[in-house]
N, C-alpha and C. Protein backbone atom coordinates (compact mmCIF):
# COMPACT_ATOMS: atom_id res chain seq x y z
N MET A 1 -53.02 -113.95 -45.95
CA MET A 1 -52.11 -113.32 -45.00
C MET A 1 -50.94 -114.25 -44.75
N ARG A 2 -49.77 -113.71 -44.60
CA ARG A 2 -48.56 -114.49 -44.42
C ARG A 2 -48.22 -114.66 -42.94
N ALA A 3 -47.60 -115.77 -42.64
CA ALA A 3 -47.15 -116.05 -41.28
C ALA A 3 -45.67 -115.77 -41.18
N TYR A 4 -45.28 -115.12 -40.11
CA TYR A 4 -43.87 -114.76 -39.90
C TYR A 4 -43.46 -115.16 -38.50
N GLU A 5 -42.14 -115.39 -38.36
CA GLU A 5 -41.50 -115.56 -37.06
C GLU A 5 -40.52 -114.43 -36.94
N LEU A 6 -40.46 -113.82 -35.79
CA LEU A 6 -39.56 -112.68 -35.58
C LEU A 6 -38.78 -112.91 -34.31
N MET A 7 -37.47 -112.95 -34.41
CA MET A 7 -36.62 -113.06 -33.20
C MET A 7 -36.04 -111.69 -32.93
N ILE A 8 -36.16 -111.26 -31.67
CA ILE A 8 -35.63 -109.96 -31.25
C ILE A 8 -34.66 -110.23 -30.10
N ILE A 9 -33.49 -109.59 -30.18
CA ILE A 9 -32.56 -109.66 -29.06
C ILE A 9 -32.44 -108.28 -28.45
N PHE A 10 -32.86 -108.20 -27.21
CA PHE A 10 -32.79 -106.95 -26.44
C PHE A 10 -31.50 -107.00 -25.63
N LYS A 11 -31.02 -105.78 -25.21
CA LYS A 11 -29.90 -105.71 -24.29
C LYS A 11 -30.27 -106.48 -23.03
N ALA A 12 -29.33 -107.16 -22.41
CA ALA A 12 -29.61 -107.98 -21.24
C ALA A 12 -30.15 -107.17 -20.05
N GLU A 13 -29.75 -105.91 -19.95
CA GLU A 13 -30.18 -105.10 -18.83
C GLU A 13 -31.55 -104.41 -19.07
N THR A 14 -32.16 -104.68 -20.20
CA THR A 14 -33.46 -104.09 -20.50
C THR A 14 -34.49 -104.65 -19.55
N GLU A 15 -35.30 -103.74 -18.97
CA GLU A 15 -36.33 -104.19 -18.02
C GLU A 15 -37.46 -104.93 -18.74
N GLU A 16 -38.07 -105.82 -18.02
CA GLU A 16 -39.17 -106.65 -18.56
C GLU A 16 -40.34 -105.79 -19.06
N SER A 17 -40.58 -104.70 -18.35
CA SER A 17 -41.66 -103.78 -18.76
C SER A 17 -41.37 -103.13 -20.09
N ALA A 18 -40.11 -102.79 -20.35
CA ALA A 18 -39.74 -102.19 -21.62
C ALA A 18 -39.85 -103.20 -22.77
N VAL A 19 -39.48 -104.44 -22.46
CA VAL A 19 -39.63 -105.54 -23.48
C VAL A 19 -41.11 -105.69 -23.83
N GLN A 20 -41.94 -105.75 -22.77
CA GLN A 20 -43.40 -105.93 -23.00
C GLN A 20 -44.01 -104.76 -23.75
N THR A 21 -43.54 -103.55 -23.47
CA THR A 21 -44.01 -102.37 -24.17
C THR A 21 -43.71 -102.49 -25.66
N THR A 22 -42.50 -102.92 -26.00
CA THR A 22 -42.12 -103.09 -27.41
C THR A 22 -42.99 -104.17 -28.06
N ILE A 23 -43.20 -105.26 -27.39
CA ILE A 23 -44.04 -106.37 -27.93
C ILE A 23 -45.47 -105.86 -28.16
N ASN A 24 -46.01 -105.10 -27.21
CA ASN A 24 -47.37 -104.54 -27.37
C ASN A 24 -47.43 -103.60 -28.55
N ARG A 25 -46.39 -102.79 -28.76
CA ARG A 25 -46.34 -101.88 -29.91
C ARG A 25 -46.33 -102.64 -31.24
N LEU A 26 -45.57 -103.74 -31.29
CA LEU A 26 -45.53 -104.55 -32.48
C LEU A 26 -46.87 -105.22 -32.75
N ALA A 27 -47.55 -105.65 -31.70
CA ALA A 27 -48.88 -106.22 -31.85
C ALA A 27 -49.88 -105.19 -32.39
N GLU A 28 -49.77 -103.94 -31.93
CA GLU A 28 -50.63 -102.86 -32.41
C GLU A 28 -50.40 -102.62 -33.91
N ILE A 29 -49.12 -102.62 -34.32
CA ILE A 29 -48.77 -102.38 -35.74
C ILE A 29 -49.38 -103.49 -36.61
N ALA A 30 -49.20 -104.72 -36.14
CA ALA A 30 -49.75 -105.88 -36.94
C ALA A 30 -51.28 -105.80 -37.00
N GLN A 31 -51.95 -105.46 -35.91
CA GLN A 31 -53.42 -105.36 -35.89
C GLN A 31 -53.90 -104.22 -36.78
N ALA A 32 -53.18 -103.13 -36.79
CA ALA A 32 -53.57 -101.99 -37.63
C ALA A 32 -53.52 -102.35 -39.13
N ASP A 33 -52.69 -103.34 -39.44
CA ASP A 33 -52.56 -103.77 -40.81
C ASP A 33 -53.45 -104.96 -41.14
N GLY A 34 -54.28 -105.35 -40.18
CA GLY A 34 -55.19 -106.47 -40.41
C GLY A 34 -54.63 -107.83 -39.96
N GLY A 35 -53.48 -107.82 -39.32
CA GLY A 35 -52.85 -109.08 -38.87
C GLY A 35 -53.07 -109.27 -37.39
N SER A 36 -52.27 -110.16 -36.81
CA SER A 36 -52.39 -110.42 -35.38
C SER A 36 -51.10 -111.06 -34.84
N LEU A 37 -50.81 -110.83 -33.60
CA LEU A 37 -49.73 -111.48 -32.92
C LEU A 37 -50.26 -112.79 -32.32
N GLU A 38 -49.74 -113.90 -32.77
CA GLU A 38 -50.29 -115.20 -32.36
C GLU A 38 -49.61 -115.81 -31.17
N LYS A 39 -48.29 -115.64 -31.06
CA LYS A 39 -47.53 -116.30 -29.95
C LYS A 39 -46.35 -115.49 -29.61
N THR A 40 -46.08 -115.40 -28.28
CA THR A 40 -44.88 -114.72 -27.78
C THR A 40 -44.15 -115.69 -26.90
N ASP A 41 -42.88 -115.93 -27.19
CA ASP A 41 -42.05 -116.85 -26.46
C ASP A 41 -40.82 -116.10 -25.95
N LYS A 42 -40.79 -115.84 -24.61
CA LYS A 42 -39.64 -115.14 -24.04
C LYS A 42 -38.62 -116.19 -23.57
N TRP A 43 -37.44 -116.18 -24.17
CA TRP A 43 -36.42 -117.10 -23.84
C TRP A 43 -35.56 -116.69 -22.63
N GLY A 44 -35.58 -115.41 -22.34
CA GLY A 44 -34.76 -114.88 -21.24
C GLY A 44 -33.37 -114.49 -21.73
N VAL A 45 -32.50 -114.28 -20.79
CA VAL A 45 -31.11 -113.83 -21.09
C VAL A 45 -30.28 -115.04 -21.48
N ARG A 46 -29.61 -114.89 -22.63
CA ARG A 46 -28.71 -115.95 -23.16
C ARG A 46 -27.36 -115.31 -23.49
N ARG A 47 -26.33 -116.10 -23.35
CA ARG A 47 -24.98 -115.67 -23.69
C ARG A 47 -24.74 -115.81 -25.19
N PHE A 48 -24.10 -114.81 -25.81
CA PHE A 48 -23.79 -114.84 -27.23
C PHE A 48 -22.53 -115.69 -27.49
N ALA A 49 -22.48 -116.26 -28.65
CA ALA A 49 -21.26 -116.98 -29.07
C ALA A 49 -20.15 -116.02 -29.36
N TYR A 50 -20.46 -114.78 -29.75
CA TYR A 50 -19.47 -113.76 -29.98
C TYR A 50 -20.10 -112.43 -29.65
N GLU A 51 -19.31 -111.42 -29.45
CA GLU A 51 -19.79 -110.09 -29.04
C GLU A 51 -20.55 -109.43 -30.18
N ILE A 52 -21.69 -108.84 -29.84
CA ILE A 52 -22.53 -108.11 -30.80
C ILE A 52 -22.73 -106.71 -30.21
N LYS A 53 -22.30 -105.72 -30.94
CA LYS A 53 -22.44 -104.31 -30.52
C LYS A 53 -21.94 -104.13 -29.07
N HIS A 54 -20.80 -104.68 -28.75
CA HIS A 54 -20.14 -104.56 -27.45
C HIS A 54 -20.96 -105.23 -26.33
N GLN A 55 -21.86 -106.13 -26.64
CA GLN A 55 -22.64 -106.85 -25.69
C GLN A 55 -22.26 -108.34 -25.72
N THR A 56 -22.24 -109.00 -24.56
CA THR A 56 -21.91 -110.44 -24.52
C THR A 56 -23.13 -111.29 -24.25
N GLU A 57 -24.25 -110.71 -23.88
CA GLU A 57 -25.47 -111.45 -23.67
C GLU A 57 -26.69 -110.58 -23.99
N GLY A 58 -27.81 -111.24 -24.21
CA GLY A 58 -29.03 -110.48 -24.56
C GLY A 58 -30.30 -111.24 -24.15
N PHE A 59 -31.36 -110.52 -24.10
CA PHE A 59 -32.69 -111.09 -23.76
C PHE A 59 -33.42 -111.41 -25.06
N TYR A 60 -33.68 -112.69 -25.28
CA TYR A 60 -34.29 -113.18 -26.52
C TYR A 60 -35.79 -113.26 -26.42
N VAL A 61 -36.48 -112.85 -27.48
CA VAL A 61 -37.93 -112.97 -27.59
C VAL A 61 -38.25 -113.45 -29.03
N VAL A 62 -39.10 -114.47 -29.12
CA VAL A 62 -39.50 -114.96 -30.43
C VAL A 62 -41.01 -114.74 -30.56
N LEU A 63 -41.45 -114.07 -31.64
CA LEU A 63 -42.86 -113.80 -31.89
C LEU A 63 -43.31 -114.52 -33.15
N GLU A 64 -44.52 -115.05 -33.14
CA GLU A 64 -45.16 -115.58 -34.35
C GLU A 64 -46.35 -114.69 -34.62
N PHE A 65 -46.45 -114.18 -35.86
CA PHE A 65 -47.60 -113.30 -36.14
C PHE A 65 -48.01 -113.42 -37.57
N LEU A 66 -49.20 -112.93 -37.85
CA LEU A 66 -49.74 -112.86 -39.18
C LEU A 66 -49.84 -111.39 -39.57
N ALA A 67 -49.39 -111.09 -40.76
CA ALA A 67 -49.42 -109.69 -41.24
C ALA A 67 -49.34 -109.68 -42.76
N PRO A 68 -50.24 -108.91 -43.40
CA PRO A 68 -50.14 -108.82 -44.84
C PRO A 68 -49.02 -107.91 -45.34
N ASN A 69 -48.87 -106.72 -44.73
CA ASN A 69 -47.88 -105.77 -45.24
C ASN A 69 -47.15 -104.95 -44.21
N ALA A 70 -47.22 -105.38 -42.94
CA ALA A 70 -46.72 -104.52 -41.87
C ALA A 70 -45.21 -104.64 -41.61
N LEU A 71 -44.50 -105.43 -42.38
CA LEU A 71 -43.09 -105.68 -42.08
C LEU A 71 -42.21 -104.43 -42.08
N SER A 72 -42.44 -103.54 -42.99
CA SER A 72 -41.60 -102.32 -43.06
C SER A 72 -41.79 -101.45 -41.80
N GLU A 73 -42.99 -101.32 -41.32
CA GLU A 73 -43.24 -100.51 -40.14
C GLU A 73 -42.69 -101.21 -38.89
N ILE A 74 -42.82 -102.53 -38.78
CA ILE A 74 -42.25 -103.25 -37.65
C ILE A 74 -40.72 -103.14 -37.68
N ASP A 75 -40.15 -103.29 -38.85
CA ASP A 75 -38.71 -103.16 -39.01
C ASP A 75 -38.21 -101.77 -38.57
N ARG A 76 -38.95 -100.75 -39.01
CA ARG A 76 -38.59 -99.36 -38.66
C ARG A 76 -38.69 -99.16 -37.13
N THR A 77 -39.72 -99.67 -36.51
CA THR A 77 -39.93 -99.55 -35.07
C THR A 77 -38.77 -100.24 -34.30
N LEU A 78 -38.36 -101.39 -34.75
CA LEU A 78 -37.28 -102.12 -34.06
C LEU A 78 -35.94 -101.45 -34.29
N ARG A 79 -35.71 -100.88 -35.43
CA ARG A 79 -34.44 -100.16 -35.70
C ARG A 79 -34.32 -98.91 -34.82
N LEU A 80 -35.45 -98.29 -34.50
CA LEU A 80 -35.42 -97.08 -33.67
C LEU A 80 -35.43 -97.38 -32.17
N ALA A 81 -35.79 -98.58 -31.76
CA ALA A 81 -35.84 -98.94 -30.36
C ALA A 81 -34.47 -99.00 -29.75
N ASP A 82 -34.29 -98.34 -28.64
CA ASP A 82 -32.98 -98.25 -27.97
C ASP A 82 -32.48 -99.60 -27.46
N GLY A 83 -33.37 -100.39 -26.90
CA GLY A 83 -32.92 -101.62 -26.24
C GLY A 83 -32.73 -102.83 -27.18
N VAL A 84 -33.00 -102.68 -28.45
CA VAL A 84 -32.91 -103.80 -29.36
C VAL A 84 -31.49 -103.86 -29.96
N ILE A 85 -30.84 -105.02 -29.80
CA ILE A 85 -29.55 -105.22 -30.37
C ILE A 85 -29.65 -105.70 -31.80
N ARG A 86 -30.53 -106.68 -32.04
CA ARG A 86 -30.69 -107.25 -33.36
C ARG A 86 -32.06 -107.88 -33.49
N HIS A 87 -32.57 -107.92 -34.71
CA HIS A 87 -33.85 -108.63 -34.96
C HIS A 87 -33.79 -109.31 -36.35
N LYS A 88 -34.57 -110.34 -36.52
CA LYS A 88 -34.56 -111.10 -37.76
C LYS A 88 -35.96 -111.64 -38.04
N PHE A 89 -36.48 -111.35 -39.23
CA PHE A 89 -37.74 -111.86 -39.74
C PHE A 89 -37.51 -113.18 -40.47
N MET A 90 -38.48 -114.10 -40.38
CA MET A 90 -38.43 -115.27 -41.20
C MET A 90 -39.89 -115.56 -41.63
N ARG A 91 -40.11 -115.59 -42.93
CA ARG A 91 -41.43 -115.94 -43.47
C ARG A 91 -41.59 -117.46 -43.34
N LEU A 92 -42.61 -117.87 -42.63
CA LEU A 92 -42.82 -119.31 -42.44
C LEU A 92 -43.42 -119.93 -43.71
N PRO A 93 -42.84 -121.07 -44.18
CA PRO A 93 -43.47 -121.76 -45.31
C PRO A 93 -44.89 -122.18 -44.95
N LEU A 94 -45.73 -122.30 -45.95
CA LEU A 94 -47.15 -122.61 -45.72
C LEU A 94 -47.37 -123.84 -44.87
N GLY A 95 -46.61 -124.91 -45.17
CA GLY A 95 -46.77 -126.15 -44.41
C GLY A 95 -46.40 -125.96 -42.92
N GLU A 96 -45.33 -125.24 -42.69
CA GLU A 96 -44.88 -124.98 -41.30
C GLU A 96 -45.93 -124.09 -40.58
N ALA A 97 -46.48 -123.12 -41.28
CA ALA A 97 -47.49 -122.23 -40.69
C ALA A 97 -48.73 -123.04 -40.28
N HIS A 98 -49.16 -123.96 -41.11
CA HIS A 98 -50.31 -124.80 -40.74
C HIS A 98 -49.98 -125.69 -39.58
N LYS A 99 -48.75 -126.24 -39.56
CA LYS A 99 -48.34 -127.12 -38.47
C LYS A 99 -48.32 -126.39 -37.11
N ARG A 100 -47.99 -125.11 -37.15
CA ARG A 100 -47.96 -124.31 -35.93
C ARG A 100 -49.33 -123.74 -35.56
N GLY A 101 -50.32 -124.00 -36.36
CA GLY A 101 -51.66 -123.52 -36.02
C GLY A 101 -51.96 -122.13 -36.55
N LEU A 102 -51.19 -121.66 -37.48
CA LEU A 102 -51.44 -120.36 -38.09
C LEU A 102 -52.22 -120.57 -39.37
N ALA A 103 -53.40 -121.13 -39.22
CA ALA A 103 -54.20 -121.61 -40.35
C ALA A 103 -54.62 -120.49 -41.32
N ALA A 104 -54.64 -119.24 -40.85
CA ALA A 104 -55.07 -118.15 -41.68
C ALA A 104 -54.00 -117.77 -42.72
N ALA A 105 -52.84 -118.37 -42.58
CA ALA A 105 -51.73 -118.02 -43.50
C ALA A 105 -51.98 -118.63 -44.87
N THR A 106 -51.72 -117.84 -45.87
CA THR A 106 -51.86 -118.30 -47.26
C THR A 106 -50.61 -117.96 -48.02
N ALA A 107 -50.45 -118.53 -49.16
CA ALA A 107 -49.24 -118.30 -49.96
C ALA A 107 -49.20 -116.95 -50.59
């Protein structure tokens, strides 16, 4: 199973409950595929260096998860979510995954 880091930027005015609902939905998708959501780090509202989709600030959330094949469904869910401005996946290298305690990750 591969380890991934996912950064999501929500609109700044998005309520905390809506953010948590989206995170829970992503966790369900990963679990349905045999993976798991390992860590959630909410950074809060941050100012952008430049305007993105007519927004000057956003609510940042970083997730670490394990998933064999769920990326397309997670990507689709985030593209359809109204409050999401932008998201970015990063596959963690094996060494970094082990360092972060995602020991189940394999190449």
